[in-house]
C-alpha cells in the first residue's frame, strides 16, 4: 500500500496545492481530509492559474478525487467550483463526496459573520465562510451530513430543528433578522438534485485502494500552526490539518500511512490575527510580499511576511512524523542580501527551542536568529540541485540540519514543472 499525506508546516499558503498537483500525476486517488472552502490552493499549469477552494488539488488529474468525511461542504461553492472547471475544459466526473461529510448551511455563514464582528469577542480573522460554526454543530451533534440530504424528510426535520434554535440566537441575542425555513429548504433541494449522484460511502473505497497497493494521496487544508490542538490557539482553524487528522478525516488506520510530506515555504507567512514571532514590519516585509505575491488565494488579504521560523519547523516535523520536506518559493529570496533563520525564542529571559502552548507569551517572544549569506542569481529555470548557487545550497542544508528531516524537492517557481527533485518521493 502507499498512503502519502501532504501537510503544511507553517500557517498555510506554503504551496501545498502545487505539490499535491505534482504528486497527483502518479496517484490513483486524491483525498481531501479536513477543512472547507476557507482554503485556497493555487495550481499553475502551463502558465494557467487554477484556484481551488474546496475540491482536492489533484482534481486536474484523472484519478478519483474524494472529499472525505472530515471536510465541511458548502454545496453552492462545490457546484460553482465544478462548473468553473468544466467551463475551462476540465473533467469533474471523478469527484465524489463522503456521505459522512457535514454540510455548511446559511445559518453557519451568518453566525460566522456576526461573531467575527462582535466587539467584545477575540478577532480570529476567519474567512466568514461558516466553517467554525459548522464544525461546532458537528461536535455538539446537531450537524447535517451529506447522508441526510439523500432523505428529504430527514433533512427537513433536522433543518427545521436547527433553524429554530439558530433563529432564537439571531433575534434574541444578536438582534438580527431570522432566516426563512422555506427559502433555505427549497435552495438546498436544488443542490441535492445536482450532487446526489456524487454522495457515496468513501471509507471502503479508500481502504480498498490502500489494500490493493494503489497510491492514495491525502491532502489537508491550512497547516500545522492552524491546527485546533497544536496551533496558536485560538487563532486557528476548526479542524486538524496535521498528519494525524487523516485517520479521522478520511477513515484510515495510521498503519496505512507510508509517507508524511511537509511543505515548507523558504520564509514564513500568515494570514489573519495571532502571534507571529519572525514577522518583518515595514518596507522589507512589504518587499517580500510583493516579490512572492503574498495575497490570500480566497480572500485576497495581504499576508504577513517574516523570516523562516525553524522553531515552528522542528515542531511540525516532530508532531507530523515527517519523512520528507518540500521547500517552496525559495526563488523569492534571490537578491535579498543577508538571510535570517529563527532557531529559538527568548521569552521573559528564558530560551525556548519549541513552541509554547501559551499564545500570549508568543507575543512577547523575541526571535533568536542565525544569519546566512544570500545569493543574487535567478534560480527559477534551474532543474538540478548541483546548479543552485552555493549559498542557496547552504541555506537548504542548514534547514535540514535544524529540522532533522531530508529535503526531497525544492520548488523554484509557481508552475508544476519548476521543481528540483533531490530525492524520490
Protein backbone atom coordinates (compact mmCIF):
# COMPACT_ATOMS: atom_id res chain seq x y z
CA UNK A 1 0.00 0.00 0.00
CA UNK A 2 1.07 3.60 -0.49
CA UNK A 3 -0.59 6.25 1.63
CA UNK A 4 1.05 9.66 1.20
CA UNK A 5 -0.02 12.66 3.29
CA UNK A 6 0.81 16.24 2.32
CA UNK A 7 0.65 18.75 5.19
CA UNK A 8 1.59 22.39 5.65
CA UNK A 9 4.29 23.03 8.24
CA UNK A 10 3.58 26.72 8.93
CA UNK A 11 0.35 28.80 8.87
CA UNK A 12 -0.79 27.70 5.44
CA UNK A 13 -0.09 29.18 2.00
CA UNK A 14 3.12 27.14 1.72
CA UNK A 15 2.28 25.98 -1.81
CA UNK A 16 0.65 22.65 -0.93
CA UNK A 17 -1.65 22.91 -3.93
CA UNK A 18 1.22 22.88 -6.38
CA UNK A 19 2.99 19.98 -4.66
CA UNK A 20 -0.21 17.94 -4.46
CA UNK A 21 -0.80 18.62 -8.15
CA UNK A 22 2.70 17.37 -8.96
CA UNK A 23 2.34 14.22 -6.85
CA UNK A 24 -1.22 13.58 -8.06
CA UNK A 25 0.15 12.88 -11.52
CA UNK A 26 1.05 9.38 -10.31
CA UNK A 27 -1.70 8.96 -7.69
CA UNK A 28 -4.72 6.71 -8.14
CA UNK A 29 -6.78 8.59 -5.53
CA UNK A 30 -6.56 12.06 -4.01
CA UNK A 31 -8.44 12.54 -0.73
CA UNK A 32 -9.15 15.86 0.98
CA UNK A 33 -9.48 15.06 4.70
CA UNK A 34 -10.41 18.31 6.53
CA UNK A 35 -11.33 21.97 6.23
CA UNK A 36 -13.77 23.61 3.87
CA UNK A 37 -13.86 26.36 1.29
CA UNK A 38 -11.83 28.61 3.57
CA UNK A 39 -8.79 27.02 1.95
CA UNK A 40 -7.20 28.38 -1.19
CA UNK A 41 -4.93 26.10 -3.18
CA UNK A 42 -3.33 27.63 -6.27
CA UNK A 43 -2.21 25.33 -9.10
CA UNK A 44 -0.44 26.70 -12.18
CA UNK A 45 -0.48 24.52 -15.32
CA UNK A 46 1.39 25.80 -18.37
CA UNK A 47 1.00 29.35 -17.10
CA UNK A 48 -2.74 28.94 -16.49
CA UNK A 49 -3.77 29.52 -12.86
CA UNK A 50 -6.43 27.44 -11.08
CA UNK A 51 -7.57 28.48 -7.60
CA UNK A 52 -9.23 25.57 -5.79
CA UNK A 53 -11.16 26.23 -2.59
CA UNK A 54 -12.97 23.01 -1.78
CA UNK A 55 -12.03 20.48 -4.46
CA UNK A 56 -8.88 18.41 -3.94
CA UNK A 57 -5.83 19.92 -5.63
CA UNK A 58 -5.43 16.72 -7.62
CA UNK A 59 -8.70 17.33 -9.45
CA UNK A 60 -6.86 18.26 -12.64
CA UNK A 61 -5.69 14.65 -12.93
CA UNK A 62 -7.69 11.60 -13.91
CA UNK A 63 -7.53 9.67 -10.61
CA UNK A 64 -10.56 9.55 -8.32
CA UNK A 65 -10.87 12.69 -6.18
CA UNK A 66 -12.62 12.37 -2.83
CA UNK A 67 -13.97 14.96 -0.42
CA UNK A 68 -13.64 12.99 2.80
CA UNK A 69 -15.70 12.61 5.98
CA UNK A 70 -13.68 15.27 7.83
CA UNK A 71 -14.47 18.04 5.35
CA UNK A 72 -17.33 20.53 5.74
CA UNK A 73 -19.03 21.22 2.42
CA UNK A 74 -20.90 24.26 1.15
CA UNK A 75 -22.97 22.77 -1.73
CA UNK A 76 -23.19 26.08 -3.57
CA UNK A 77 -19.43 26.56 -3.52
CA UNK A 78 -18.92 22.95 -4.60
CA UNK A 79 -21.25 23.32 -7.59
CA UNK A 80 -19.79 26.68 -8.57
CA UNK A 81 -16.27 25.24 -8.49
CA UNK A 82 -17.32 22.22 -10.54
CA UNK A 83 -18.99 24.48 -13.11
CA UNK A 84 -15.91 26.72 -13.30
CA UNK A 85 -13.59 23.80 -14.01
CA UNK A 86 -15.92 22.30 -16.60
CA UNK A 87 -16.16 25.68 -18.34
CA UNK A 88 -12.37 25.63 -18.66
CA UNK A 89 -12.47 22.16 -20.21
CA UNK A 90 -11.58 20.05 -17.14
CA UNK A 91 -13.43 16.83 -16.37
CA UNK A 92 -15.11 16.51 -12.97
CA UNK A 93 -16.95 13.19 -13.11
CA UNK A 94 -14.18 11.67 -10.97
CA UNK A 95 -15.10 13.82 -7.94
CA UNK A 96 -17.13 12.21 -5.14
CA UNK A 97 -18.21 13.32 -1.65
CA UNK A 98 -18.32 11.27 1.54
CA UNK A 99 -21.83 10.73 2.89
CA UNK A 100 -20.35 11.48 6.34
CA UNK A 101 -19.14 14.97 5.41
CA UNK A 102 -21.03 17.76 7.15
CA UNK A 103 -22.98 20.41 5.26
CA UNK A 104 -22.45 24.14 5.68
CA UNK A 105 -25.81 25.89 5.98
CA UNK A 106 -26.72 29.58 5.59
CA UNK A 107 -27.06 29.96 9.35
CA UNK A 108 -23.44 28.83 9.78
CA UNK A 109 -22.25 31.59 7.47
CA UNK A 110 -24.44 34.18 9.19
CA UNK A 111 -23.17 33.14 12.63
CA UNK A 112 -19.57 33.32 11.44
CA UNK A 113 -20.06 36.85 10.12
CA UNK A 114 -21.83 38.04 13.29
CA UNK A 115 -19.31 36.55 15.72
CA UNK A 116 -16.30 37.90 13.86
CA UNK A 117 -17.80 41.39 14.04
CA UNK A 118 -18.90 41.37 17.70
CA UNK A 119 -16.81 43.97 19.52
CA UNK A 120 -16.23 42.01 22.73
CA UNK A 121 -15.06 38.80 21.02
CA UNK A 122 -11.48 37.93 20.10
CA UNK A 123 -10.94 38.64 16.41
CA UNK A 124 -9.73 35.37 14.90
CA UNK A 125 -9.52 36.62 11.32
CA UNK A 126 -11.78 33.93 9.86
CA UNK A 127 -12.87 33.92 6.22
CA UNK A 128 -16.52 34.10 7.38
CA UNK A 129 -17.42 31.05 5.29
CA UNK A 130 -19.27 29.26 8.11
CA UNK A 131 -16.52 26.72 8.74
CA UNK A 132 -16.22 27.13 12.53
CA UNK A 133 -19.99 27.11 13.26
CA UNK A 134 -20.43 24.03 11.06
CA UNK A 135 -17.71 22.15 12.94
CA UNK A 136 -19.25 23.35 16.22
CA UNK A 137 -22.60 21.81 15.22
CA UNK A 138 -20.77 18.62 14.24
CA UNK A 139 -19.18 18.31 17.68
CA UNK A 140 -22.40 19.22 19.50
CA UNK A 141 -24.17 16.51 17.43
CA UNK A 142 -26.51 18.98 15.76
CA UNK A 143 -24.92 18.82 12.31
CA UNK A 144 -26.48 17.92 8.99
CA UNK A 145 -24.48 15.41 6.97
CA UNK A 146 -24.44 14.62 3.27
CA UNK A 147 -26.27 11.37 4.08
CA UNK A 148 -29.15 13.46 5.46
CA UNK A 149 -29.54 15.22 2.13
CA UNK A 150 -30.42 11.90 0.48
CA UNK A 151 -33.54 11.61 2.66
CA UNK A 152 -35.62 14.77 2.18
CA UNK A 153 -37.89 14.04 5.12
CA UNK A 154 -34.94 13.60 7.46
CA UNK A 155 -33.25 16.70 6.04
CA UNK A 156 -36.43 18.74 6.54
CA UNK A 157 -36.75 17.65 10.17
CA UNK A 158 -33.12 18.43 11.02
CA UNK A 159 -33.19 21.76 9.22
CA UNK A 160 -36.38 22.82 10.96
CA UNK A 161 -34.99 21.88 14.38
CA UNK A 162 -31.64 23.61 13.83
CA UNK A 163 -33.13 26.72 12.31
CA UNK A 164 -35.50 27.16 15.23
CA UNK A 165 -32.55 27.26 17.63
CA UNK A 166 -30.39 29.44 15.40
CA UNK A 167 -33.20 31.94 14.84
CA UNK A 168 -33.53 32.29 18.62
CA UNK A 169 -29.87 33.31 18.67
CA UNK A 170 -30.25 35.69 15.76
CA UNK A 171 -33.34 37.51 17.02
CA UNK A 172 -32.87 37.46 20.82
CA UNK A 173 -29.12 37.54 21.32
CA UNK A 174 -27.70 39.21 18.23
CA UNK A 175 -30.80 41.30 17.40
CA UNK A 176 -30.79 40.49 13.69
CA UNK A 177 -33.43 39.08 11.34
CA UNK A 178 -34.34 35.40 11.39
CA UNK A 179 -33.69 33.16 8.40
CA UNK A 180 -36.63 31.70 6.48
CA UNK A 181 -37.04 27.91 6.52
CA UNK A 182 -38.84 27.58 3.17
CA UNK A 183 -36.21 29.64 1.34
CA UNK A 184 -33.35 27.51 2.65
CA UNK A 185 -35.18 24.21 2.13
CA UNK A 186 -36.00 24.98 -1.50
CA UNK A 187 -32.49 26.22 -2.19
CA UNK A 188 -30.91 23.06 -0.81
CA UNK A 189 -33.38 20.80 -2.60
CA UNK A 190 -31.97 22.24 -5.80
CA UNK A 191 -28.42 21.49 -4.69
CA UNK A 192 -29.34 17.96 -3.71
CA UNK A 193 -30.61 17.17 -7.20
CA UNK A 194 -27.27 18.22 -8.66
CA UNK A 195 -24.92 16.46 -6.23
CA UNK A 196 -26.77 13.36 -5.01
CA UNK A 197 -25.08 11.11 -7.59
CA UNK A 198 -21.69 12.09 -6.11
CA UNK A 199 -22.54 11.26 -2.47
CA UNK A 200 -21.17 7.84 -1.51
CA UNK A 201 -19.59 5.97 1.39
CA UNK A 202 -15.94 6.72 0.67
CA UNK A 203 -14.39 4.72 3.52
CA UNK A 204 -14.46 1.29 1.80
CA UNK A 205 -13.28 2.88 -1.44
CA UNK A 206 -10.19 4.43 0.15
CA UNK A 207 -9.29 1.41 2.25
CA UNK A 208 -9.74 -0.99 -0.66
CA UNK A 209 -7.40 1.15 -2.74
CA UNK A 210 -4.75 1.10 0.01
CA UNK A 211 -5.13 -2.66 0.48
CA UNK A 212 -4.60 -3.12 -3.26
CA UNK A 213 -1.36 -1.11 -3.13
CA UNK A 214 -2.80 1.82 -5.03
CA UNK A 215 -1.23 5.23 -4.41
CA UNK A 216 -3.58 7.31 -2.29
CA UNK A 217 -2.61 10.93 -1.73
CA UNK A 218 -4.20 12.64 1.28
CA UNK A 219 -4.31 16.42 1.37
CA UNK A 220 -5.33 18.85 4.05
CA UNK A 221 -6.18 22.50 4.01
CA UNK A 222 -4.46 25.10 6.22
CA UNK A 223 -1.40 23.87 8.15
CA UNK A 224 0.27 22.79 11.37
CA UNK A 225 0.17 26.14 13.20
CA UNK A 226 -3.55 26.46 12.49
CA UNK A 227 -4.35 23.06 13.98
CA UNK A 228 -7.14 23.24 16.57
CA UNK A 229 -4.99 21.31 19.08
CA UNK A 230 -1.41 22.34 18.32
CA UNK A 231 -1.60 25.73 16.63
CA UNK A 232 -1.57 29.25 18.07
CA UNK A 233 -4.94 28.80 19.76
CA UNK A 234 -7.44 30.48 19.49
CA UNK A 235 -6.08 31.90 16.22
CA UNK A 236 -6.52 28.58 14.49
CA UNK A 237 -8.89 26.69 12.21
CA UNK A 238 -11.63 24.35 13.48
CA UNK A 239 -10.10 21.00 12.50
CA UNK A 240 -6.81 19.10 12.45
CA UNK A 241 -4.71 19.63 9.30
CA UNK A 242 -1.90 17.52 10.77
CA UNK A 243 -0.97 14.06 9.55
CA UNK A 244 -2.95 12.55 12.45
CA UNK A 245 -6.07 14.28 11.11
CA UNK A 246 -6.06 11.83 8.21
CA UNK A 247 -7.15 8.93 10.39
CA UNK A 248 -10.38 10.64 11.49
CA UNK A 249 -10.82 12.83 8.42
CA UNK A 250 -10.50 10.07 5.84
CA UNK A 251 -11.28 6.93 7.84
CA UNK A 252 -7.99 5.04 7.55
CA UNK A 253 -5.64 3.41 10.02
CA UNK A 254 -2.37 5.23 10.79
CA UNK A 255 -0.62 1.98 9.86
CA UNK A 256 -1.62 2.62 6.24
CA UNK A 257 0.32 5.89 6.04
CA UNK A 258 3.75 5.43 4.44
CA UNK A 259 4.96 8.98 3.92
CA UNK A 260 4.40 12.31 5.62
CA UNK A 261 5.39 15.08 3.24
CA UNK A 262 5.70 18.50 4.81
CA UNK A 263 5.54 21.60 2.64
CA UNK A 264 7.61 24.49 4.00
CA UNK A 265 7.96 27.94 2.47
CA UNK A 266 11.54 29.25 2.44
CA UNK A 267 10.31 32.15 4.57
CA UNK A 268 7.19 32.42 6.74
CA UNK A 269 3.78 33.99 6.20
CA UNK A 270 0.45 34.02 7.98
CA UNK A 271 -2.98 35.50 7.29
CA UNK A 272 -5.28 36.89 9.94
CA UNK A 273 -4.72 37.57 13.60
CA UNK A 274 -2.39 35.91 16.10
CA UNK A 275 1.27 35.96 17.18
CA UNK A 276 3.99 35.81 14.54
CA UNK A 277 7.45 35.79 16.13
CA UNK A 278 9.54 36.32 12.96
CA UNK A 279 7.26 38.88 11.29
CA UNK A 280 9.09 41.59 9.35
CA UNK A 281 7.47 45.01 9.58
CA UNK A 282 7.98 47.94 7.28
CA UNK A 283 9.42 48.19 3.78
CA UNK A 284 11.39 44.93 3.78
CA UNK A 285 8.33 42.89 4.75
CA UNK A 286 6.37 44.65 2.01
CA UNK A 287 9.16 43.87 -0.48
CA UNK A 288 8.91 40.13 0.25
CA UNK A 289 5.12 40.34 -0.03
CA UNK A 290 5.35 41.92 -3.48
CA UNK A 291 8.05 39.60 -4.83
CA UNK A 292 6.28 36.50 -3.52
CA UNK A 293 2.81 37.84 -4.35
CA UNK A 294 1.67 37.06 -0.83
CA UNK A 295 -2.06 37.64 -1.00
CA UNK A 296 -4.77 35.17 0.01
CA UNK A 297 -5.99 32.96 -2.85
CA UNK A 298 -9.57 33.02 -1.50
CA UNK A 299 -9.81 36.39 0.24
CA UNK A 300 -7.14 38.48 -1.45
CA UNK A 301 -5.96 39.58 2.01
CA UNK A 302 -2.28 40.60 2.20
CA UNK A 303 -0.24 38.00 4.07
CA UNK A 304 2.05 38.97 6.91
CA UNK A 305 5.63 38.08 5.96
CA UNK A 306 8.62 37.08 8.06
CA UNK A 307 11.88 35.17 8.20
CA UNK A 308 11.90 31.37 8.21
CA UNK A 309 10.89 30.11 11.68
CA UNK A 310 12.51 26.74 12.30
CA UNK A 311 11.23 26.53 15.86
CA UNK A 312 7.92 26.04 14.10
CA UNK A 313 9.65 23.85 11.50
CA UNK A 314 11.04 21.43 14.11
CA UNK A 315 7.68 21.37 15.90
CA UNK A 316 5.83 20.50 12.70
CA UNK A 317 8.37 17.86 11.72
CA UNK A 318 8.13 16.10 15.07
CA UNK A 319 4.36 16.17 15.54
CA UNK A 320 3.67 15.04 11.99
CA UNK A 321 6.47 12.47 11.87
CA UNK A 322 7.57 13.84 8.51
CA UNK A 323 9.58 11.62 6.19
CA UNK A 324 10.18 14.30 3.54
CA UNK A 325 10.12 18.08 3.29
CA UNK A 326 9.42 20.16 0.19
CA UNK A 327 10.81 23.71 0.22
CA UNK A 328 8.79 26.20 -1.82
CA UNK A 329 9.27 29.78 -3.06
CA UNK A 330 13.00 29.82 -2.39
CA UNK A 331 13.32 31.83 -5.60
CA UNK A 332 11.69 34.76 -3.76
CA UNK A 333 14.81 35.07 -1.59
CA UNK A 334 17.13 35.74 -4.54
CA UNK A 335 18.69 39.19 -4.35
CA UNK A 336 17.57 39.98 -0.79
CA UNK A 337 21.08 40.05 0.69
CA UNK A 338 21.69 38.55 4.14
CA UNK A 339 19.06 35.98 5.18
CA UNK A 340 17.89 35.04 8.67
CA UNK A 341 16.66 31.76 10.14
CA UNK A 342 14.99 31.67 13.56
CA UNK A 343 16.42 28.82 15.67
CA UNK A 344 14.96 29.65 19.11
CA UNK A 345 12.78 32.12 21.03
CA UNK A 346 13.65 34.24 24.05
CA UNK A 347 10.62 34.81 26.27
CA UNK A 348 10.96 36.71 29.55
CA UNK A 349 14.64 35.80 29.73
CA UNK A 350 14.15 32.09 29.03
CA UNK A 351 15.25 30.33 25.84
CA UNK A 352 12.71 28.10 24.05
CA UNK A 353 13.53 25.74 21.21
CA UNK A 354 9.91 24.62 20.96
CA UNK A 355 6.56 26.39 20.57
CA UNK A 356 4.93 27.03 23.99
CA UNK A 357 1.19 26.48 24.45
CA UNK A 358 0.61 29.92 25.97
CA UNK A 359 -0.24 32.05 22.96
CA UNK A 360 0.10 35.29 24.91
CA UNK A 361 3.74 34.51 25.66
CA UNK A 362 4.41 34.30 21.92
CA UNK A 363 3.51 37.97 21.60
CA UNK A 364 6.46 38.67 23.92
CA UNK A 365 8.82 36.25 22.20
CA UNK A 366 11.99 37.59 20.60
CA UNK A 367 13.44 35.55 17.75
CA UNK A 368 16.99 34.24 18.03
CA UNK A 369 18.43 34.28 14.53
CA UNK A 370 21.23 32.71 12.60
CA UNK A 371 22.33 34.86 9.67
CA UNK A 372 23.35 33.34 6.35
CA UNK A 373 24.73 34.83 3.15
CA UNK A 374 22.19 35.16 0.36
CA UNK A 375 22.53 34.88 -3.43
CA UNK A 376 21.68 37.14 -6.35
CA UNK A 377 21.19 34.65 -9.20
CA UNK A 378 17.81 33.95 -10.81
CA UNK A 379 17.14 30.30 -9.97
CA UNK A 380 13.68 29.91 -11.50
CA UNK A 381 14.88 27.89 -14.50
CA UNK A 382 17.29 25.58 -12.66
CA UNK A 383 16.44 21.87 -12.88
CA UNK A 384 19.33 20.23 -11.00
CA UNK A 385 20.34 20.70 -7.38
CA UNK A 386 24.04 20.94 -8.28
CA UNK A 387 23.36 24.05 -10.37
CA UNK A 388 21.91 26.06 -7.47
CA UNK A 389 24.10 28.86 -6.08
CA UNK A 390 26.36 27.65 -3.26
CA UNK A 391 24.73 29.94 -0.70
CA UNK A 392 21.31 28.64 -1.68
CA UNK A 393 22.52 25.07 -1.10
CA UNK A 394 23.95 26.12 2.28
CA UNK A 395 20.60 27.63 3.21
CA UNK A 396 18.82 24.36 2.35
CA UNK A 397 21.46 22.29 4.16
CA UNK A 398 21.03 24.35 7.33
CA UNK A 399 17.27 23.80 7.23
CA UNK A 400 17.82 20.02 7.04
CA UNK A 401 20.23 20.11 9.96
CA UNK A 402 17.86 22.03 12.21
CA UNK A 403 14.62 20.16 11.46
CA UNK A 404 16.38 16.77 11.13
CA UNK A 405 14.39 15.77 8.07
CA UNK A 406 15.56 15.43 4.46
CA UNK A 407 14.52 17.94 1.82
CA UNK A 408 13.33 15.93 -1.17
CA UNK A 409 12.03 18.64 -3.53
CA UNK A 410 12.80 22.33 -3.96
CA UNK A 411 10.26 24.46 -5.81
CA UNK A 412 11.79 27.39 -7.71
CA UNK A 413 8.64 28.84 -9.29
CA UNK A 414 4.84 28.53 -9.41
CA UNK A 415 4.48 26.23 -12.41
CA UNK A 416 4.17 22.48 -11.83
CA UNK A 417 7.41 21.94 -13.79
CA UNK A 418 9.55 24.37 -11.78
CA UNK A 419 10.89 21.82 -9.31
CA UNK A 420 14.25 20.36 -8.39
CA UNK A 421 13.96 16.74 -7.30
CA UNK A 422 16.74 15.88 -4.87
CA UNK A 423 15.30 12.57 -3.67
CA UNK A 424 12.45 10.47 -5.00
CA UNK A 425 9.24 10.81 -3.02
